[in-house]
Amino acid sequence: MDNRFSKWLSAFVAVFILLTLPFVVPFSGISAGAETAPITTLPAREGIAVATAVKVPVIMYHSVSRGSPGKYVIPPETLEEDIIYLKNAGYETVFVSDIVDYVLGKSALPEKSIALTFDDGHYNFLSQVVPILKEREARATVSVVGSFTDKEKGQTRRSSYFSYLSPEELAAVALSGTVEIGNHSYALHSGLGAKPLWGEGYERYKARFTRDTEKCDALIRECGGKPRVYTCPFGCYDGFTARAVREYGYGAMLTCEEGINEFSPGVADTLYKIKRFNRPYGEKSDKYFKNRGIV
């Protein structure tokens, strides 16, 4: 009896192994605890190529003036040399919103992309920067402080060094075809910038942030701009700031942290901590870009 039962059990086990073998074999190469390769692309959409992560440097400029130079005040010749150098190195300039569209799967990016950004909305942007962008077929993102622009209304004495774009001049920038306009806050360009006040809870902070952002947004739209990018005043931000920017509806947030960004389709978190290299006065283009690992 015991011998017959043992034979029957052996036959049953053999049949069971043969029936289940096709389901076991495909997984036999994965050991316990092993990790599969991470997914780095989104499923292809019709008409849109699937791409993996791309590295995109972003440069931060401030004032471009023929007047007295400052730490972050460069002559127009330096800006033009930068653009020429980058083009010779194979780079193509893109709007920050182009990066947003890439991450959202709406469009592709050039193989070597770089974004040029200008903070504060200086008066000399229209007279010095826009002509260079047009001549060199380059793109840029300028982020304006709403209160600075409003104060320029009706001003007759203007300084290339100290003045900012008036609403009329900002409208001319919007029509240039080479520039997108970002929000640099209306009246938060002081103190803590767009960070929460001491002890301020999120909902109260968000309400204050939203009021300020809406005011600058309205000004930009009145001048013909379509703001999609928020630039943190002084680069100051925390978790509250990034959350409020995202919930407001902006596609990206620019900081002052330095480094080369990496963007992947479908990974939106990287858009709300975009790093930038500050462009100082006095460095030759080749040295500046090589020292930062851009070329």
C-alpha atoms as a PDB file:
ATOM      1  CA  MET A   1       0.000   0.000   0.000  1.00  0.00           C
ATOM      2  CA  ASP A   2       2.751   2.476   0.989  1.00  0.00           C
ATOM      3  CA  ASN A   3       4.760   1.599  -2.132  1.00  0.00           C
ATOM      4  CA  ARG A   4       1.747   2.167  -4.452  1.00  0.00           C
ATOM      5  CA  PHE A   5       1.017   5.530  -2.757  1.00  0.00           C
ATOM      6  CA  SER A   6       4.635   6.668  -3.181  1.00  0.00           C
ATOM      7  CA  LYS A   7       4.537   5.860  -6.919  1.00  0.00           C
ATOM      8  CA  TRP A   8       1.222   7.688  -7.325  1.00  0.00           C
ATOM      9  CA  LEU A   9       2.581  10.769  -5.502  1.00  0.00           C
ATOM     10  CA  SER A  10       5.749  10.837  -7.644  1.00  0.00           C
ATOM     11  CA  ALA A  11       3.672  10.686 -10.830  1.00  0.00           C
ATOM     12  CA  PHE A  12       1.415  13.492  -9.619  1.00  0.00           C
ATOM     13  CA  VAL A  13       4.399  15.763  -8.839  1.00  0.00           C
ATOM     14  CA  ALA A  14       5.933  15.110 -12.265  1.00  0.00           C
ATOM     15  CA  VAL A  15       2.708  16.033 -14.054  1.00  0.00           C
ATOM     16  CA  PHE A  16       2.330  19.167 -11.905  1.00  0.00           C
ATOM     17  CA  ILE A  17       5.873  20.354 -12.812  1.00  0.00           C
ATOM     18  CA  LEU A  18       5.250  19.811 -16.534  1.00  0.00           C
ATOM     19  CA  LEU A  19       2.005  21.812 -16.410  1.00  0.00           C
ATOM     20  CA  THR A  20       3.446  24.769 -14.494  1.00  0.00           C
ATOM     21  CA  LEU A  21       6.877  24.947 -16.217  1.00  0.00           C
ATOM     22  CA  PRO A  22       5.833  27.524 -18.913  1.00  0.00           C
ATOM     23  CA  PHE A  23       4.811  29.967 -16.188  1.00  0.00           C
ATOM     24  CA  VAL A  24       7.979  29.517 -14.144  1.00  0.00           C
ATOM     25  CA  VAL A  25      10.665  29.722 -16.851  1.00  0.00           C
ATOM     26  CA  PRO A  26      10.204  33.416 -17.856  1.00  0.00           C
ATOM     27  CA  PHE A  27      10.944  34.502 -14.300  1.00  0.00           C
ATOM     28  CA  SER A  28      13.768  32.080 -13.590  1.00  0.00           C
ATOM     29  CA  GLY A  29      16.406  34.725 -14.359  1.00  0.00           C
ATOM     30  CA  ILE A  30      15.203  37.110 -11.620  1.00  0.00           C
ATOM     31  CA  SER A  31      16.750  36.315  -8.287  1.00  0.00           C
ATOM     32  CA  ALA A  32      15.093  37.092  -4.984  1.00  0.00           C
ATOM     33  CA  GLY A  33      15.395  40.760  -4.110  1.00  0.00           C
ATOM     34  CA  ALA A  34      16.646  41.757  -7.582  1.00  0.00           C
ATOM     35  CA  GLU A  35      15.345  45.070  -9.005  1.00  0.00           C
ATOM     36  CA  THR A  36      14.073  45.486 -12.529  1.00  0.00           C
ATOM     37  CA  ALA A  37      15.338  48.365 -14.679  1.00  0.00           C
ATOM     38  CA  PRO A  38      13.489  51.642 -14.057  1.00  0.00           C
ATOM     39  CA  ILE A  39      11.076  52.901 -16.703  1.00  0.00           C
ATOM     40  CA  THR A  40      12.568  56.061 -18.205  1.00  0.00           C
ATOM     41  CA  THR A  41      10.090  56.810 -20.976  1.00  0.00           C
ATOM     42  CA  LEU A  42       6.382  57.295 -21.460  1.00  0.00           C
ATOM     43  CA  PRO A  43       4.356  55.280 -23.968  1.00  0.00           C
ATOM     44  CA  ALA A  44       4.610  56.873 -27.398  1.00  0.00           C
ATOM     45  CA  ARG A  45       1.804  59.227 -28.355  1.00  0.00           C
ATOM     46  CA  GLU A  46       0.768  59.621 -31.950  1.00  0.00           C
ATOM     47  CA  GLY A  47       3.078  62.106 -33.664  1.00  0.00           C
ATOM     48  CA  ILE A  48       5.376  62.473 -30.641  1.00  0.00           C
ATOM     49  CA  ALA A  49       8.690  60.661 -30.372  1.00  0.00           C
ATOM     50  CA  VAL A  50       9.494  58.747 -27.193  1.00  0.00           C
ATOM     51  CA  ALA A  51      12.655  60.064 -25.534  1.00  0.00           C
ATOM     52  CA  THR A  52      14.710  59.300 -22.460  1.00  0.00           C
ATOM     53  CA  ALA A  53      16.098  61.778 -19.939  1.00  0.00           C
ATOM     54  CA  VAL A  54      17.852  64.863 -21.333  1.00  0.00           C
ATOM     55  CA  LYS A  55      20.273  67.237 -19.648  1.00  0.00           C
ATOM     56  CA  VAL A  56      19.510  70.941 -20.049  1.00  0.00           C
ATOM     57  CA  PRO A  57      21.696  73.727 -18.609  1.00  0.00           C
ATOM     58  CA  VAL A  58      19.939  76.996 -17.747  1.00  0.00           C
ATOM     59  CA  ILE A  59      21.827  80.305 -17.580  1.00  0.00           C
ATOM     60  CA  MET A  60      20.736  83.206 -15.369  1.00  0.00           C
ATOM     61  CA  TYR A  61      21.487  86.734 -16.574  1.00  0.00           C
ATOM     62  CA  HIS A  62      20.510  90.011 -14.979  1.00  0.00           C
ATOM     63  CA  SER A  63      21.408  93.400 -16.433  1.00  0.00           C
ATOM     64  CA  VAL A  64      23.033  93.863 -19.857  1.00  0.00           C
ATOM     65  CA  SER A  65      24.402  97.380 -20.132  1.00  0.00           C
ATOM     66  CA  ARG A  66      27.126  99.436 -21.759  1.00  0.00           C
ATOM     67  CA  GLY A  67      27.404 101.461 -18.548  1.00  0.00           C
ATOM     68  CA  SER A  68      29.550 100.687 -15.538  1.00  0.00           C
ATOM     69  CA  PRO A  69      29.892  96.926 -15.075  1.00  0.00           C
ATOM     70  CA  GLY A  70      28.838  95.218 -11.865  1.00  0.00           C
ATOM     71  CA  LYS A  71      29.158  91.697 -10.475  1.00  0.00           C
ATOM     72  CA  TYR A  72      26.168  90.571 -12.544  1.00  0.00           C
ATOM     73  CA  VAL A  73      26.022  93.409 -15.060  1.00  0.00           C
ATOM     74  CA  ILE A  74      27.598  92.376 -18.350  1.00  0.00           C
ATOM     75  CA  PRO A  75      28.120  94.312 -21.605  1.00  0.00           C
ATOM     76  CA  PRO A  76      26.049  93.280 -24.639  1.00  0.00           C
ATOM     77  CA  GLU A  77      29.205  92.038 -26.354  1.00  0.00           C
ATOM     78  CA  THR A  78      29.553  89.350 -23.672  1.00  0.00           C
ATOM     79  CA  LEU A  79      25.998  88.164 -24.199  1.00  0.00           C
ATOM     80  CA  GLU A  80      26.521  87.959 -27.942  1.00  0.00           C
ATOM     81  CA  GLU A  81      29.796  86.077 -27.467  1.00  0.00           C
ATOM     82  CA  ASP A  82      27.998  83.620 -25.167  1.00  0.00           C
ATOM     83  CA  ILE A  83      25.312  82.896 -27.757  1.00  0.00           C
ATOM     84  CA  ILE A  84      27.827  82.510 -30.584  1.00  0.00           C
ATOM     85  CA  TYR A  85      29.979  80.209 -28.451  1.00  0.00           C
ATOM     86  CA  LEU A  86      27.009  78.030 -27.523  1.00  0.00           C
ATOM     87  CA  LYS A  87      25.836  77.757 -31.131  1.00  0.00           C
ATOM     88  CA  ASN A  88      29.313  76.760 -32.249  1.00  0.00           C
ATOM     89  CA  ALA A  89      29.250  74.079 -29.531  1.00  0.00           C
ATOM     90  CA  GLY A  90      26.042  72.672 -31.019  1.00  0.00           C
ATOM     91  CA  TYR A  91      23.532  74.116 -28.557  1.00  0.00           C
ATOM     92  CA  GLU A  92      20.100  75.467 -29.457  1.00  0.00           C
ATOM     93  CA  THR A  93      18.339  77.920 -27.162  1.00  0.00           C
ATOM     94  CA  VAL A  94      14.843  77.031 -25.936  1.00  0.00           C
ATOM     95  CA  PHE A  95      12.163  78.680 -23.825  1.00  0.00           C
ATOM     96  CA  VAL A  96      11.637  77.291 -20.344  1.00  0.00           C
ATOM     97  CA  SER A  97       8.084  76.519 -21.489  1.00  0.00           C
ATOM     98  CA  ASP A  98       9.593  74.292 -24.212  1.00  0.00           C
ATOM     99  CA  ILE A  99      11.109  72.203 -21.416  1.00  0.00           C
ATOM    100  CA  VAL A 100       7.695  72.026 -19.741  1.00  0.00           C
ATOM    101  CA  ASP A 101       6.101  70.807 -22.964  1.00  0.00           C
ATOM    102  CA  TYR A 102       8.808  68.170 -23.343  1.00  0.00           C
ATOM    103  CA  VAL A 103       8.196  66.800 -19.846  1.00  0.00           C
ATOM    104  CA  LEU A 104       4.439  66.796 -20.482  1.00  0.00           C
ATOM    105  CA  GLY A 105       4.989  64.803 -23.673  1.00  0.00           C
ATOM    106  CA  LYS A 106       3.696  67.564 -25.951  1.00  0.00           C
ATOM    107  CA  SER A 107       6.849  68.228 -27.968  1.00  0.00           C
ATOM    108  CA  ALA A 108      10.465  67.233 -28.449  1.00  0.00           C
ATOM    109  CA  LEU A 109      13.623  69.176 -27.554  1.00  0.00           C
ATOM    110  CA  PRO A 110      16.750  69.729 -29.650  1.00  0.00           C
ATOM    111  CA  GLU A 111      19.499  67.207 -28.936  1.00  0.00           C
ATOM    112  CA  LYS A 112      21.567  69.883 -27.154  1.00  0.00           C
ATOM    113  CA  SER A 113      19.204  72.373 -25.537  1.00  0.00           C
ATOM    114  CA  ILE A 114      20.034  75.328 -23.305  1.00  0.00           C
ATOM    115  CA  ALA A 115      17.766  77.988 -21.781  1.00  0.00           C
ATOM    116  CA  LEU A 116      18.773  81.628 -21.333  1.00  0.00           C
ATOM    117  CA  THR A 117      16.896  83.407 -18.541  1.00  0.00           C
ATOM    118  CA  PHE A 118      16.950  87.064 -17.485  1.00  0.00           C
ATOM    119  CA  ASP A 119      15.761  88.186 -14.054  1.00  0.00           C
ATOM    120  CA  ASP A 120      14.043  91.401 -12.919  1.00  0.00           C
ATOM    121  CA  GLY A 121      13.088  92.900 -16.285  1.00  0.00           C
ATOM    122  CA  HIS A 122      15.734  95.602 -16.603  1.00  0.00           C
ATOM    123  CA  TYR A 123      15.099  98.534 -18.950  1.00  0.00           C
ATOM    124  CA  ASN A 124      18.118  97.583 -21.039  1.00  0.00           C
ATOM    125  CA  PHE A 125      16.567  94.211 -21.908  1.00  0.00           C
ATOM    126  CA  LEU A 126      14.565  95.762 -24.739  1.00  0.00           C
ATOM    127  CA  SER A 127      17.339  97.966 -26.090  1.00  0.00           C
ATOM    128  CA  GLN A 128      20.317  95.624 -25.638  1.00  0.00           C
ATOM    129  CA  VAL A 129      19.141  92.009 -25.331  1.00  0.00           C
ATOM    130  CA  VAL A 130      16.234  91.727 -27.781  1.00  0.00           C
ATOM    131  CA  PRO A 131      18.264  92.961 -30.815  1.00  0.00           C
ATOM    132  CA  ILE A 132      20.966  90.358 -30.089  1.00  0.00           C
ATOM    133  CA  LEU A 133      18.401  87.593 -29.743  1.00  0.00           C
ATOM    134  CA  LYS A 134      16.882  88.529 -33.087  1.00  0.00           C
ATOM    135  CA  GLU A 135      20.235  88.837 -34.818  1.00  0.00           C
ATOM    136  CA  ARG A 136      21.458  85.491 -33.497  1.00  0.00           C
ATOM    137  CA  GLU A 137      18.074  83.721 -33.788  1.00  0.00           C
ATOM    138  CA  ALA A 138      18.079  82.861 -30.100  1.00  0.00           C
ATOM    139  CA  ARG A 139      15.315  82.542 -27.517  1.00  0.00           C
ATOM    140  CA  ALA A 140      15.140  83.732 -23.917  1.00  0.00           C
ATOM    141  CA  THR A 141      12.848  83.886 -20.895  1.00  0.00           C
ATOM    142  CA  VAL A 142      12.650  87.206 -19.011  1.00  0.00           C
ATOM    143  CA  SER A 143      10.991  87.270 -15.589  1.00  0.00           C
ATOM    144  CA  VAL A 144       9.645  90.629 -14.444  1.00  0.00           C
ATOM    145  CA  VAL A 145       8.848  92.063 -11.014  1.00  0.00           C
ATOM    146  CA  GLY A 146       5.404  93.597 -11.408  1.00  0.00           C
ATOM    147  CA  SER A 147       5.886  96.471  -8.968  1.00  0.00           C
ATOM    148  CA  PHE A 148       9.138  97.469 -10.707  1.00  0.00           C
ATOM    149  CA  THR A 149       7.339  97.646 -14.060  1.00  0.00           C
ATOM    150  CA  ASP A 150       4.353  99.577 -12.660  1.00  0.00           C
ATOM    151  CA  LYS A 151       6.667 102.206 -11.142  1.00  0.00           C
ATOM    152  CA  GLU A 152       8.048 102.963 -14.598  1.00  0.00           C
ATOM    153  CA  LYS A 153       4.698 104.271 -15.865  1.00  0.00           C
ATOM    154  CA  GLY A 154       5.066 107.854 -17.033  1.00  0.00           C
ATOM    155  CA  GLN A 155       8.767 108.075 -16.220  1.00  0.00           C
ATOM    156  CA  THR A 156      10.683 110.371 -18.574  1.00  0.00           C
ATOM    157  CA  ARG A 157      14.173 110.009 -17.144  1.00  0.00           C
ATOM    158  CA  ARG A 158      15.380 106.469 -17.751  1.00  0.00           C
ATOM    159  CA  SER A 159      18.626 104.784 -16.832  1.00  0.00           C
ATOM    160  CA  SER A 160      20.007 101.744 -18.622  1.00  0.00           C
ATOM    161  CA  TYR A 161      21.534 100.766 -15.301  1.00  0.00           C
ATOM    162  CA  PHE A 162      18.768 101.471 -12.746  1.00  0.00           C
ATOM    163  CA  SER A 163      15.454 101.513 -14.654  1.00  0.00           C
ATOM    164  CA  TYR A 164      13.121  98.622 -15.464  1.00  0.00           C
ATOM    165  CA  LEU A 165      10.801  97.831 -18.358  1.00  0.00           C
ATOM    166  CA  SER A 166       7.641  99.952 -18.422  1.00  0.00           C
ATOM    167  CA  PRO A 167       4.307  98.312 -19.380  1.00  0.00           C
ATOM    168  CA  GLU A 168       4.664  99.712 -22.921  1.00  0.00           C
ATOM    169  CA  GLU A 169       8.188  98.330 -23.230  1.00  0.00           C
ATOM    170  CA  LEU A 170       7.117  94.978 -21.840  1.00  0.00           C
ATOM    171  CA  ALA A 171       4.431  94.862 -24.529  1.00  0.00           C
ATOM    172  CA  ALA A 172       7.129  95.453 -27.155  1.00  0.00           C
ATOM    173  CA  VAL A 173       9.144  92.571 -25.661  1.00  0.00           C
ATOM    174  CA  ALA A 174       6.092  90.299 -25.874  1.00  0.00           C
ATOM    175  CA  LEU A 175       5.742  91.134 -29.572  1.00  0.00           C
ATOM    176  CA  SER A 176       9.406  90.452 -30.358  1.00  0.00           C
ATOM    177  CA  GLY A 177       8.849  86.758 -31.069  1.00  0.00           C
ATOM    178  CA  THR A 178      12.099  85.802 -29.362  1.00  0.00           C
ATOM    179  CA  VAL A 179      11.089  86.145 -25.709  1.00  0.00           C
ATOM    180  CA  GLU A 180       8.625  84.593 -23.269  1.00  0.00           C
ATOM    181  CA  ILE A 181       7.709  86.502 -20.098  1.00  0.00           C
ATOM    182  CA  GLY A 182       7.784  84.890 -16.661  1.00  0.00           C
ATOM    183  CA  ASN A 183       6.503  85.978 -13.237  1.00  0.00           C
ATOM    184  CA  HIS A 184       9.137  87.140 -10.728  1.00  0.00           C
ATOM    185  CA  SER A 185       6.424  88.175  -8.200  1.00  0.00           C
ATOM    186  CA  TYR A 186       4.652  91.497  -7.949  1.00  0.00           C
ATOM    187  CA  ALA A 187       5.962  92.757  -4.607  1.00  0.00           C
ATOM    188  CA  LEU A 188       7.920  89.882  -3.040  1.00  0.00           C
ATOM    189  CA  HIS A 189      11.343  90.899  -4.325  1.00  0.00           C
ATOM    190  CA  SER A 190      12.576  91.757  -0.821  1.00  0.00           C
ATOM    191  CA  GLY A 191      13.145  90.097   2.528  1.00  0.00           C
ATOM    192  CA  LEU A 192      12.264  86.394   2.387  1.00  0.00           C
ATOM    193  CA  GLY A 193      11.084  86.605  -1.191  1.00  0.00           C
ATOM    194  CA  ALA A 194       8.376  84.056  -1.941  1.00  0.00           C
ATOM    195  CA  LYS A 195       9.088  81.953   1.164  1.00  0.00           C
ATOM    196  CA  PRO A 196       6.512  81.780   3.981  1.00  0.00           C
ATOM    197  CA  LEU A 197       6.762  84.156   6.929  1.00  0.00           C
ATOM    198  CA  TRP A 198       7.817  82.827  10.320  1.00  0.00           C
ATOM    199  CA  GLY A 199       5.034  80.630  11.708  1.00  0.00           C
ATOM    200  CA  GLU A 200       2.834  81.058   8.633  1.00  0.00           C
ATOM    201  CA  GLY A 201       0.701  78.003   7.847  1.00  0.00           C
ATOM    202  CA  TYR A 202       0.313  76.750   4.302  1.00  0.00           C
ATOM    203  CA  GLU A 203      -3.233  77.944   3.606  1.00  0.00           C
ATOM    204  CA  ARG A 204      -2.494  81.463   4.833  1.00  0.00           C
ATOM    205  CA  TYR A 205       0.768  81.509   2.906  1.00  0.00           C
ATOM    206  CA  LYS A 206      -0.906  80.218  -0.244  1.00  0.00           C
ATOM    207  CA  ALA A 207      -3.550  82.970  -0.097  1.00  0.00           C
ATOM    208  CA  ARG A 208      -0.855  85.653   0.211  1.00  0.00           C
ATOM    209  CA  PHE A 209       1.250  84.077  -2.535  1.00  0.00           C
ATOM    210  CA  THR A 210      -1.773  83.797  -4.835  1.00  0.00           C
ATOM    211  CA  ARG A 211      -2.760  87.465  -4.395  1.00  0.00           C
ATOM    212  CA  ASP A 212       0.743  88.597  -5.298  1.00  0.00           C
ATOM    213  CA  THR A 213       1.072  86.186  -8.210  1.00  0.00           C
ATOM    214  CA  GLU A 214      -2.307  87.107  -9.686  1.00  0.00           C
ATOM    215  CA  LYS A 215      -1.374  90.791  -9.646  1.00  0.00           C
ATOM    216  CA  CYS A 216       1.837  90.226 -11.611  1.00  0.00           C
ATOM    217  CA  ASP A 217       0.095  87.749 -13.908  1.00  0.00           C
ATOM    218  CA  ALA A 218      -2.567  90.318 -14.772  1.00  0.00           C
ATOM    219  CA  LEU A 219       0.096  92.894 -15.643  1.00  0.00           C
ATOM    220  CA  ILE A 220       1.968  90.459 -17.883  1.00  0.00           C
ATOM    221  CA  ARG A 221      -1.222  89.439 -19.698  1.00  0.00           C
ATOM    222  CA  GLU A 222      -2.244  93.063 -20.214  1.00  0.00           C
ATOM    223  CA  CYS A 223       1.097  93.512 -21.955  1.00  0.00           C
ATOM    224  CA  GLY A 224       0.509  90.523 -24.238  1.00  0.00           C
ATOM    225  CA  GLY A 225       2.489  87.906 -22.336  1.00  0.00           C
ATOM    226  CA  LYS A 226       1.378  84.388 -21.415  1.00  0.00           C
ATOM    227  CA  PRO A 227       3.227  83.530 -18.195  1.00  0.00           C
ATOM    228  CA  ARG A 228       3.941  79.844 -17.622  1.00  0.00           C
ATOM    229  CA  VAL A 229       7.110  80.145 -15.534  1.00  0.00           C
ATOM    230  CA  TYR A 230       7.595  81.389 -11.954  1.00  0.00           C
ATOM    231  CA  THR A 231      11.025  82.675 -10.946  1.00  0.00           C
ATOM    232  CA  CYS A 232      11.661  82.745  -7.193  1.00  0.00           C
ATOM    233  CA  PRO A 233      12.824  86.177  -5.948  1.00  0.00           C
ATOM    234  CA  PHE A 234      16.464  85.813  -4.807  1.00  0.00           C
ATOM    235  CA  GLY A 235      16.039  82.105  -5.541  1.00  0.00           C
ATOM    236  CA  CYS A 236      14.463  81.684  -2.086  1.00  0.00           C
ATOM    237  CA  TYR A 237      11.954  78.844  -1.810  1.00  0.00           C
ATOM    238  CA  ASP A 238      10.899  75.885   0.306  1.00  0.00           C
ATOM    239  CA  GLY A 239       8.332  73.107   0.094  1.00  0.00           C
ATOM    240  CA  PHE A 240       5.458  75.567   0.569  1.00  0.00           C
ATOM    241  CA  THR A 241       6.699  77.677  -2.338  1.00  0.00           C
ATOM    242  CA  ALA A 242       7.053  74.792  -4.786  1.00  0.00           C
ATOM    243  CA  ARG A 243       3.617  73.465  -3.792  1.00  0.00           C
ATOM    244  CA  ALA A 244       1.930  76.868  -4.180  1.00  0.00           C
ATOM    245  CA  VAL A 245       3.572  77.484  -7.575  1.00  0.00           C
ATOM    246  CA  ARG A 246       2.401  74.106  -8.810  1.00  0.00           C
ATOM    247  CA  GLU A 247      -1.135  74.441  -7.430  1.00  0.00           C
ATOM    248  CA  TYR A 248      -1.427  77.905  -8.948  1.00  0.00           C
ATOM    249  CA  GLY A 249      -0.925  76.315 -12.337  1.00  0.00           C
ATOM    250  CA  TYR A 250       2.598  77.294 -13.338  1.00  0.00           C
ATOM    251  CA  GLY A 251       4.487  74.750 -15.389  1.00  0.00           C
ATOM    252  CA  ALA A 252       7.922  75.431 -13.886  1.00  0.00           C
ATOM    253  CA  MET A 253       9.760  77.170 -11.057  1.00  0.00           C
ATOM    254  CA  LEU A 254      13.258  78.641 -11.438  1.00  0.00           C
ATOM    255  CA  THR A 255      15.694  78.711  -8.514  1.00  0.00           C
ATOM    256  CA  CYS A 256      19.235  80.030  -8.031  1.00  0.00           C
ATOM    257  CA  GLU A 257      20.758  76.672  -7.175  1.00  0.00           C
ATOM    258  CA  GLU A 258      23.517  75.767  -9.603  1.00  0.00           C
ATOM    259  CA  GLY A 259      23.840  72.590 -11.611  1.00  0.00           C
ATOM    260  CA  ILE A 260      22.764  70.947 -14.864  1.00  0.00           C
ATOM    261  CA  ASN A 261      19.145  69.806 -14.917  1.00  0.00           C
ATOM    262  CA  GLU A 262      17.932  66.422 -16.065  1.00  0.00           C
ATOM    263  CA  PHE A 263      14.403  66.131 -17.416  1.00  0.00           C
ATOM    264  CA  SER A 264      12.391  63.056 -18.377  1.00  0.00           C
ATOM    265  CA  PRO A 265       8.970  62.770 -20.003  1.00  0.00           C
ATOM    266  CA  GLY A 266       6.343  62.309 -17.321  1.00  0.00           C
ATOM    267  CA  VAL A 267       8.567  63.342 -14.375  1.00  0.00           C
ATOM    268  CA  ALA A 268       7.108  66.744 -13.485  1.00  0.00           C
ATOM    269  CA  ASP A 269       8.727  67.180 -10.052  1.00  0.00           C
ATOM    270  CA  THR A 270      12.001  68.278 -11.678  1.00  0.00           C
ATOM    271  CA  LEU A 271      10.219  71.290 -13.203  1.00  0.00           C
ATOM    272  CA  TYR A 272       9.686  72.854  -9.785  1.00  0.00           C
ATOM    273  CA  LYS A 273      13.323  73.127  -8.752  1.00  0.00           C
ATOM    274  CA  ILE A 274      15.090  74.136 -11.957  1.00  0.00           C
ATOM    275  CA  LYS A 275      18.740  74.965 -11.348  1.00  0.00           C
ATOM    276  CA  ARG A 276      20.555  77.824 -13.057  1.00  0.00           C
ATOM    277  CA  PHE A 277      24.111  79.076 -13.445  1.00  0.00           C
ATOM    278  CA  ASN A 278      24.504  82.772 -12.610  1.00  0.00           C
ATOM    279  CA  ARG A 279      26.402  84.704 -15.286  1.00  0.00           C
ATOM    280  CA  PRO A 280      28.933  87.111 -13.738  1.00  0.00           C
ATOM    281  CA  TYR A 281      30.908  89.915 -15.312  1.00  0.00           C
ATOM    282  CA  GLY A 282      34.499  89.341 -16.349  1.00  0.00           C
ATOM    283  CA  GLU A 283      34.643  85.693 -17.519  1.00  0.00           C
ATOM    284  CA  LYS A 284      35.267  84.851 -21.139  1.00  0.00           C
ATOM    285  CA  SER A 285      32.595  82.695 -22.717  1.00  0.00           C
ATOM    286  CA  ASP A 286      34.786  79.613 -23.217  1.00  0.00           C
ATOM    287  CA  LYS A 287      36.049  79.685 -19.632  1.00  0.00           C
ATOM    288  CA  TYR A 288      32.598  80.300 -18.186  1.00  0.00           C
ATOM    289  CA  PHE A 289      30.884  77.396 -19.943  1.00  0.00           C
ATOM    290  CA  LYS A 290      33.801  74.946 -19.607  1.00  0.00           C
ATOM    291  CA  ASN A 291      34.216  75.616 -15.882  1.00  0.00           C
ATOM    292  CA  ARG A 292      30.573  74.660 -15.326  1.00  0.00           C
ATOM    293  CA  GLY A 293      30.697  71.472 -17.358  1.00  0.00           C
ATOM    294  CA  ILE A 294      28.362  72.806 -20.054  1.00  0.00           C
ATOM    295  CA  VAL A 295      30.836  72.227 -22.895  1.00  0.00           C
END
